[in-house]
């Protein structure tokens, strides 16, 4: 099974293609251990819960979550003009213990959200 996935995907090996949990495949025990590499939380894990705990402690994952939530709520990628907002959101997210509820509140209070450019006015600045 391990030759079919990237190392981080091994944590989900006990779930089949439609998400059903299974302990075996072809009468063989499934190994759901893997390793995170090239990150700020490198190391081995065993199963999805262990993987989740390891990723929850990652600053890189937190920054990625903030970036993706910003992009989703804004309907666009961040620009150079958004760097102060992004820094503020990342700080607030980290200080809140990575609370998505607090992240959503922070996004709705940001200048990027409160002063969005009108449709078709992509060159507008604050």
N, C-alpha and C. Protein backbone atom coordinates (compact mmCIF):
# COMPACT_ATOMS: atom_id res chain seq x y z
N UNK A 1 0.82 -1.20 0.00
CA UNK A 1 0.00 0.00 0.00
C UNK A 1 0.87 1.27 0.00
N UNK A 2 2.00 1.26 0.68
CA UNK A 2 2.82 2.46 0.80
C UNK A 2 3.41 2.95 -0.51
N UNK A 3 3.51 2.09 -1.48
CA UNK A 3 4.08 2.54 -2.74
C UNK A 3 3.09 3.35 -3.58
N UNK A 4 1.84 3.47 -3.14
CA UNK A 4 0.82 4.18 -3.90
C UNK A 4 0.60 5.61 -3.42
N UNK A 5 1.15 5.98 -2.26
CA UNK A 5 0.87 7.29 -1.69
C UNK A 5 2.14 8.02 -1.29
N UNK A 6 2.00 9.33 -1.12
CA UNK A 6 3.08 10.11 -0.53
C UNK A 6 3.11 9.80 0.96
N UNK A 7 4.24 10.00 1.62
CA UNK A 7 4.37 9.64 3.04
C UNK A 7 3.29 10.22 3.96
N UNK A 8 2.83 11.44 3.70
CA UNK A 8 1.82 12.03 4.58
C UNK A 8 0.45 11.36 4.37
N UNK A 9 0.22 10.81 3.21
CA UNK A 9 -1.05 10.15 2.91
C UNK A 9 -1.22 8.81 3.62
N UNK A 10 -0.14 8.24 4.13
CA UNK A 10 -0.24 6.96 4.81
C UNK A 10 -1.17 7.02 6.01
N UNK A 11 -1.29 8.17 6.63
CA UNK A 11 -2.16 8.29 7.79
C UNK A 11 -3.61 7.97 7.50
N UNK A 12 -3.98 8.03 6.23
CA UNK A 12 -5.37 7.77 5.83
C UNK A 12 -5.52 6.42 5.12
N UNK A 13 -4.51 5.58 5.18
CA UNK A 13 -4.53 4.31 4.46
C UNK A 13 -5.64 3.37 4.92
N UNK A 14 -6.10 3.52 6.16
CA UNK A 14 -7.16 2.64 6.65
C UNK A 14 -8.56 3.07 6.21
N UNK A 15 -8.63 4.08 5.35
CA UNK A 15 -9.90 4.50 4.79
C UNK A 15 -9.89 4.15 3.31
N UNK A 16 -10.94 3.47 2.85
CA UNK A 16 -10.98 3.08 1.44
C UNK A 16 -11.35 4.27 0.56
N UNK A 17 -11.55 4.04 -0.72
CA UNK A 17 -11.78 5.12 -1.67
C UNK A 17 -13.06 5.90 -1.43
N UNK A 18 -14.01 5.33 -0.69
CA UNK A 18 -15.24 6.06 -0.37
C UNK A 18 -15.30 6.47 1.10
N UNK A 19 -14.18 6.33 1.82
CA UNK A 19 -14.08 6.81 3.18
C UNK A 19 -14.47 5.83 4.27
N UNK A 20 -14.72 4.58 3.91
CA UNK A 20 -15.06 3.57 4.92
C UNK A 20 -13.78 3.10 5.61
N UNK A 21 -13.87 2.94 6.94
CA UNK A 21 -12.72 2.47 7.71
C UNK A 21 -12.56 0.98 7.52
N UNK A 22 -11.31 0.54 7.43
CA UNK A 22 -11.01 -0.88 7.33
C UNK A 22 -9.66 -1.12 7.99
N UNK A 23 -9.51 -2.30 8.57
CA UNK A 23 -8.26 -2.68 9.23
C UNK A 23 -7.35 -3.48 8.30
N UNK A 24 -7.96 -4.14 7.30
CA UNK A 24 -7.19 -4.99 6.41
C UNK A 24 -7.53 -4.69 4.95
N UNK A 25 -6.62 -5.09 4.08
CA UNK A 25 -6.84 -5.05 2.64
C UNK A 25 -6.22 -6.32 2.08
N UNK A 26 -7.02 -7.08 1.34
CA UNK A 26 -6.56 -8.37 0.81
C UNK A 26 -6.04 -9.26 1.92
N UNK A 27 -6.77 -9.28 3.04
CA UNK A 27 -6.43 -10.11 4.21
C UNK A 27 -5.10 -9.76 4.85
N UNK A 28 -4.56 -8.57 4.59
CA UNK A 28 -3.32 -8.13 5.21
C UNK A 28 -3.60 -6.88 6.03
N UNK A 29 -2.96 -6.77 7.19
CA UNK A 29 -3.12 -5.59 8.04
C UNK A 29 -2.60 -4.36 7.31
N UNK A 30 -3.32 -3.25 7.47
CA UNK A 30 -2.92 -2.00 6.82
C UNK A 30 -2.02 -1.21 7.76
N UNK A 31 -0.92 -0.76 7.24
CA UNK A 31 0.03 0.08 7.99
C UNK A 31 -0.29 1.54 7.69
N UNK A 32 -0.78 2.26 8.70
CA UNK A 32 -1.12 3.67 8.49
C UNK A 32 -0.09 4.62 9.12
N UNK A 33 1.12 4.13 9.23
CA UNK A 33 2.19 4.99 9.74
C UNK A 33 2.87 5.68 8.56
N UNK A 34 3.43 6.83 8.82
CA UNK A 34 4.11 7.59 7.79
C UNK A 34 5.05 8.59 8.40
N UNK A 35 5.48 9.53 7.61
CA UNK A 35 6.42 10.53 8.09
C UNK A 35 6.18 11.85 7.38
N UNK A 36 6.21 12.91 8.16
CA UNK A 36 6.14 14.26 7.61
C UNK A 36 7.57 14.71 7.37
N UNK A 37 7.82 15.21 6.16
CA UNK A 37 9.17 15.66 5.82
C UNK A 37 9.11 17.07 5.23
N UNK A 38 10.22 17.77 5.34
CA UNK A 38 10.37 19.12 4.77
C UNK A 38 9.33 20.09 5.32
N UNK A 39 9.13 20.07 6.63
CA UNK A 39 8.19 20.98 7.28
C UNK A 39 8.76 21.41 8.63
N UNK A 40 7.98 22.19 9.36
CA UNK A 40 8.41 22.59 10.70
C UNK A 40 7.99 21.59 11.78
N UNK A 41 7.36 20.48 11.38
CA UNK A 41 6.96 19.44 12.33
C UNK A 41 7.35 18.05 11.80
N UNK A 42 8.54 17.97 11.22
CA UNK A 42 9.01 16.70 10.67
C UNK A 42 8.98 15.59 11.70
N UNK A 43 8.70 14.39 11.23
CA UNK A 43 8.78 13.23 12.08
C UNK A 43 7.73 12.20 11.75
N UNK A 44 7.83 11.05 12.40
CA UNK A 44 6.91 9.95 12.12
C UNK A 44 5.56 10.17 12.80
N UNK A 45 4.55 9.50 12.26
CA UNK A 45 3.21 9.49 12.86
C UNK A 45 2.59 8.13 12.60
N UNK A 46 1.56 7.82 13.37
CA UNK A 46 0.84 6.57 13.19
C UNK A 46 -0.65 6.85 13.20
N UNK A 47 -1.26 6.84 12.05
CA UNK A 47 -2.70 7.03 11.92
C UNK A 47 -3.11 8.48 11.81
N UNK A 48 -4.39 8.70 11.49
CA UNK A 48 -4.88 10.05 11.24
C UNK A 48 -4.90 10.96 12.47
N UNK A 49 -5.15 10.41 13.63
CA UNK A 49 -5.20 11.25 14.83
C UNK A 49 -3.80 11.77 15.17
N UNK A 50 -2.82 10.90 15.12
CA UNK A 50 -1.44 11.31 15.37
C UNK A 50 -0.98 12.33 14.32
N UNK A 51 -1.35 12.10 13.06
CA UNK A 51 -1.03 13.04 12.00
C UNK A 51 -1.68 14.39 12.25
N UNK A 52 -2.94 14.39 12.66
CA UNK A 52 -3.66 15.64 12.93
C UNK A 52 -3.00 16.42 14.06
N UNK A 53 -2.62 15.74 15.13
CA UNK A 53 -1.96 16.43 16.25
C UNK A 53 -0.62 17.04 15.81
N UNK A 54 0.11 16.31 15.00
CA UNK A 54 1.40 16.82 14.53
C UNK A 54 1.17 18.06 13.65
N UNK A 55 0.22 18.00 12.72
CA UNK A 55 -0.05 19.13 11.83
C UNK A 55 -0.62 20.32 12.59
N UNK A 56 -1.40 20.06 13.63
CA UNK A 56 -1.98 21.15 14.42
C UNK A 56 -0.90 21.98 15.10
N UNK A 57 0.25 21.40 15.33
CA UNK A 57 1.35 22.13 15.95
C UNK A 57 2.24 22.85 14.95
N UNK A 58 1.87 22.85 13.69
CA UNK A 58 2.71 23.43 12.64
C UNK A 58 2.35 24.89 12.38
N UNK A 59 3.34 25.75 12.46
CA UNK A 59 3.15 27.15 12.06
C UNK A 59 2.87 27.25 10.56
N UNK A 60 3.51 26.40 9.79
CA UNK A 60 3.30 26.41 8.33
C UNK A 60 1.85 26.07 7.98
N UNK A 61 1.27 25.10 8.65
CA UNK A 61 -0.13 24.73 8.40
C UNK A 61 -1.03 25.88 8.81
N UNK A 62 -0.75 26.52 9.94
CA UNK A 62 -1.54 27.67 10.38
C UNK A 62 -1.49 28.80 9.37
N UNK A 63 -0.31 29.10 8.86
CA UNK A 63 -0.17 30.16 7.85
C UNK A 63 -0.92 29.80 6.57
N UNK A 64 -0.87 28.54 6.19
CA UNK A 64 -1.58 28.08 5.00
C UNK A 64 -3.09 28.21 5.21
N UNK A 65 -3.58 27.85 6.40
CA UNK A 65 -5.01 27.95 6.69
C UNK A 65 -5.48 29.40 6.61
N UNK A 66 -4.70 30.31 7.16
CA UNK A 66 -5.05 31.74 7.11
C UNK A 66 -5.07 32.22 5.66
N UNK A 67 -4.05 31.86 4.90
CA UNK A 67 -3.97 32.28 3.50
C UNK A 67 -5.16 31.76 2.71
N UNK A 68 -5.48 30.49 2.87
CA UNK A 68 -6.59 29.91 2.10
C UNK A 68 -7.93 30.50 2.53
N UNK A 69 -8.12 30.77 3.82
CA UNK A 69 -9.37 31.37 4.27
C UNK A 69 -9.49 32.80 3.77
N UNK A 70 -8.38 33.53 3.76
CA UNK A 70 -8.39 34.89 3.20
C UNK A 70 -8.80 34.83 1.73
N UNK A 71 -8.19 33.95 0.97
CA UNK A 71 -8.49 33.84 -0.46
C UNK A 71 -9.96 33.47 -0.68
N UNK A 72 -10.46 32.57 0.14
CA UNK A 72 -11.86 32.15 -0.01
C UNK A 72 -12.81 33.30 0.30
N UNK A 73 -12.57 34.00 1.39
CA UNK A 73 -13.49 35.08 1.78
C UNK A 73 -13.39 36.30 0.88
N UNK A 74 -12.22 36.51 0.29
CA UNK A 74 -12.03 37.66 -0.59
C UNK A 74 -12.35 37.35 -2.04
N UNK A 75 -12.34 36.08 -2.39
CA UNK A 75 -12.57 35.69 -3.77
C UNK A 75 -11.41 36.04 -4.68
N UNK A 76 -10.22 36.16 -4.09
CA UNK A 76 -9.03 36.52 -4.85
C UNK A 76 -7.79 36.14 -4.06
N UNK A 77 -6.65 36.16 -4.74
CA UNK A 77 -5.38 35.95 -4.05
C UNK A 77 -4.95 37.25 -3.38
N UNK A 78 -4.12 37.12 -2.38
CA UNK A 78 -3.60 38.29 -1.68
C UNK A 78 -2.63 39.03 -2.59
N UNK A 79 -2.52 40.32 -2.37
CA UNK A 79 -1.60 41.17 -3.14
C UNK A 79 -0.61 41.79 -2.16
N UNK A 80 0.33 42.55 -2.68
CA UNK A 80 1.29 43.25 -1.83
C UNK A 80 0.56 44.20 -0.87
N UNK A 81 -0.55 44.78 -1.33
CA UNK A 81 -1.33 45.69 -0.48
C UNK A 81 -1.97 44.97 0.71
N UNK A 82 -2.05 43.65 0.66
CA UNK A 82 -2.68 42.85 1.73
C UNK A 82 -1.69 42.33 2.76
N UNK A 83 -0.42 42.61 2.61
CA UNK A 83 0.59 42.01 3.48
C UNK A 83 0.39 42.38 4.95
N UNK A 84 0.03 43.62 5.24
CA UNK A 84 -0.23 43.99 6.64
C UNK A 84 -1.42 43.22 7.19
N UNK A 85 -2.46 43.10 6.39
CA UNK A 85 -3.64 42.34 6.80
C UNK A 85 -3.27 40.88 7.04
N UNK A 86 -2.50 40.29 6.13
CA UNK A 86 -2.11 38.89 6.27
C UNK A 86 -1.29 38.66 7.53
N UNK A 87 -0.35 39.56 7.79
CA UNK A 87 0.48 39.45 8.99
C UNK A 87 -0.39 39.54 10.24
N UNK A 88 -1.31 40.48 10.25
CA UNK A 88 -2.22 40.64 11.38
C UNK A 88 -3.09 39.41 11.58
N UNK A 89 -3.65 38.88 10.49
CA UNK A 89 -4.49 37.69 10.60
C UNK A 89 -3.72 36.49 11.11
N UNK A 90 -2.49 36.32 10.65
CA UNK A 90 -1.67 35.19 11.10
C UNK A 90 -1.35 35.32 12.58
N UNK A 91 -1.06 36.54 13.01
CA UNK A 91 -0.77 36.77 14.43
C UNK A 91 -2.01 36.49 15.28
N UNK A 92 -3.14 37.02 14.86
CA UNK A 92 -4.39 36.81 15.61
C UNK A 92 -4.78 35.33 15.66
N UNK A 93 -4.59 34.63 14.55
CA UNK A 93 -4.91 33.20 14.49
C UNK A 93 -4.03 32.43 15.47
N UNK A 94 -2.76 32.71 15.48
CA UNK A 94 -1.83 32.03 16.39
C UNK A 94 -2.17 32.35 17.84
N UNK A 95 -2.43 33.63 18.14
CA UNK A 95 -2.73 34.04 19.52
C UNK A 95 -4.06 33.48 20.03
N UNK A 96 -4.97 33.15 19.11
CA UNK A 96 -6.27 32.60 19.50
C UNK A 96 -6.20 31.08 19.70
N UNK A 97 -5.02 30.51 19.58
CA UNK A 97 -4.89 29.06 19.68
C UNK A 97 -5.39 28.37 18.43
N UNK A 98 -5.28 29.05 17.30
CA UNK A 98 -5.70 28.57 15.98
C UNK A 98 -7.21 28.32 15.93
N UNK A 99 -7.95 29.27 16.44
CA UNK A 99 -9.41 29.19 16.42
C UNK A 99 -9.95 29.70 15.08
N UNK A 100 -10.63 28.82 14.34
CA UNK A 100 -11.21 29.25 13.06
C UNK A 100 -12.32 30.26 13.27
N UNK A 101 -13.04 30.13 14.37
CA UNK A 101 -14.08 31.12 14.69
C UNK A 101 -13.45 32.50 14.84
N UNK A 102 -12.37 32.59 15.59
CA UNK A 102 -11.69 33.88 15.77
C UNK A 102 -11.06 34.37 14.47
N UNK A 103 -10.59 33.44 13.64
CA UNK A 103 -10.04 33.83 12.34
C UNK A 103 -11.12 34.47 11.48
N UNK A 104 -12.30 33.89 11.46
CA UNK A 104 -13.39 34.45 10.66
C UNK A 104 -13.78 35.84 11.16
N UNK A 105 -13.83 36.02 12.46
CA UNK A 105 -14.12 37.34 13.02
C UNK A 105 -13.04 38.32 12.61
N UNK A 106 -11.78 37.92 12.72
CA UNK A 106 -10.67 38.81 12.36
C UNK A 106 -10.72 39.19 10.88
N UNK A 107 -11.04 38.24 10.04
CA UNK A 107 -11.14 38.54 8.60
C UNK A 107 -12.24 39.57 8.35
N UNK A 108 -13.38 39.40 9.01
CA UNK A 108 -14.49 40.34 8.77
C UNK A 108 -14.22 41.73 9.34
N UNK A 109 -13.22 41.85 10.18
CA UNK A 109 -12.86 43.15 10.75
C UNK A 109 -11.66 43.77 10.03
N UNK A 110 -11.11 43.09 9.05
CA UNK A 110 -9.92 43.59 8.34
C UNK A 110 -10.31 44.63 7.29
N UNK A 111 -9.38 45.51 6.99
CA UNK A 111 -9.61 46.51 5.94
C UNK A 111 -9.89 45.83 4.60
N UNK A 112 -9.21 44.73 4.33
CA UNK A 112 -9.41 44.02 3.06
C UNK A 112 -10.85 43.57 2.90
N UNK A 113 -11.49 43.21 4.01
CA UNK A 113 -12.89 42.77 3.97
C UNK A 113 -13.84 43.96 3.99
N UNK A 114 -13.56 44.92 4.86
CA UNK A 114 -14.46 46.06 5.04
C UNK A 114 -14.46 47.02 3.86
N UNK A 115 -13.34 47.11 3.16
CA UNK A 115 -13.21 48.06 2.06
C UNK A 115 -12.88 47.34 0.76
N UNK A 116 -13.69 46.37 0.42
CA UNK A 116 -13.46 45.61 -0.81
C UNK A 116 -13.73 46.47 -2.03
N UNK A 117 -12.94 46.26 -3.06
CA UNK A 117 -13.14 46.97 -4.32
C UNK A 117 -14.44 46.50 -4.97
N UNK A 118 -15.13 47.39 -5.63
CA UNK A 118 -16.34 47.05 -6.33
C UNK A 118 -16.01 46.11 -7.48
N UNK A 119 -16.96 45.30 -7.90
CA UNK A 119 -16.75 44.38 -9.01
C UNK A 119 -16.27 45.15 -10.23
N UNK A 120 -15.24 44.66 -10.85
CA UNK A 120 -14.68 45.31 -12.03
C UNK A 120 -13.70 46.43 -11.71
N UNK A 121 -13.55 46.78 -10.43
CA UNK A 121 -12.64 47.86 -10.03
C UNK A 121 -11.42 47.24 -9.37
N UNK A 122 -10.70 46.43 -10.10
CA UNK A 122 -9.57 45.68 -9.56
C UNK A 122 -8.40 46.55 -9.19
N UNK A 123 -8.34 47.78 -9.67
CA UNK A 123 -7.21 48.64 -9.38
C UNK A 123 -7.43 49.52 -8.18
N UNK A 124 -8.57 49.38 -7.50
CA UNK A 124 -8.88 50.25 -6.36
C UNK A 124 -7.93 49.98 -5.20
N UNK A 125 -7.53 51.02 -4.53
CA UNK A 125 -6.69 50.90 -3.35
C UNK A 125 -7.33 51.66 -2.22
N UNK A 126 -6.84 51.45 -1.04
CA UNK A 126 -7.35 52.17 0.14
C UNK A 126 -6.75 53.52 0.26
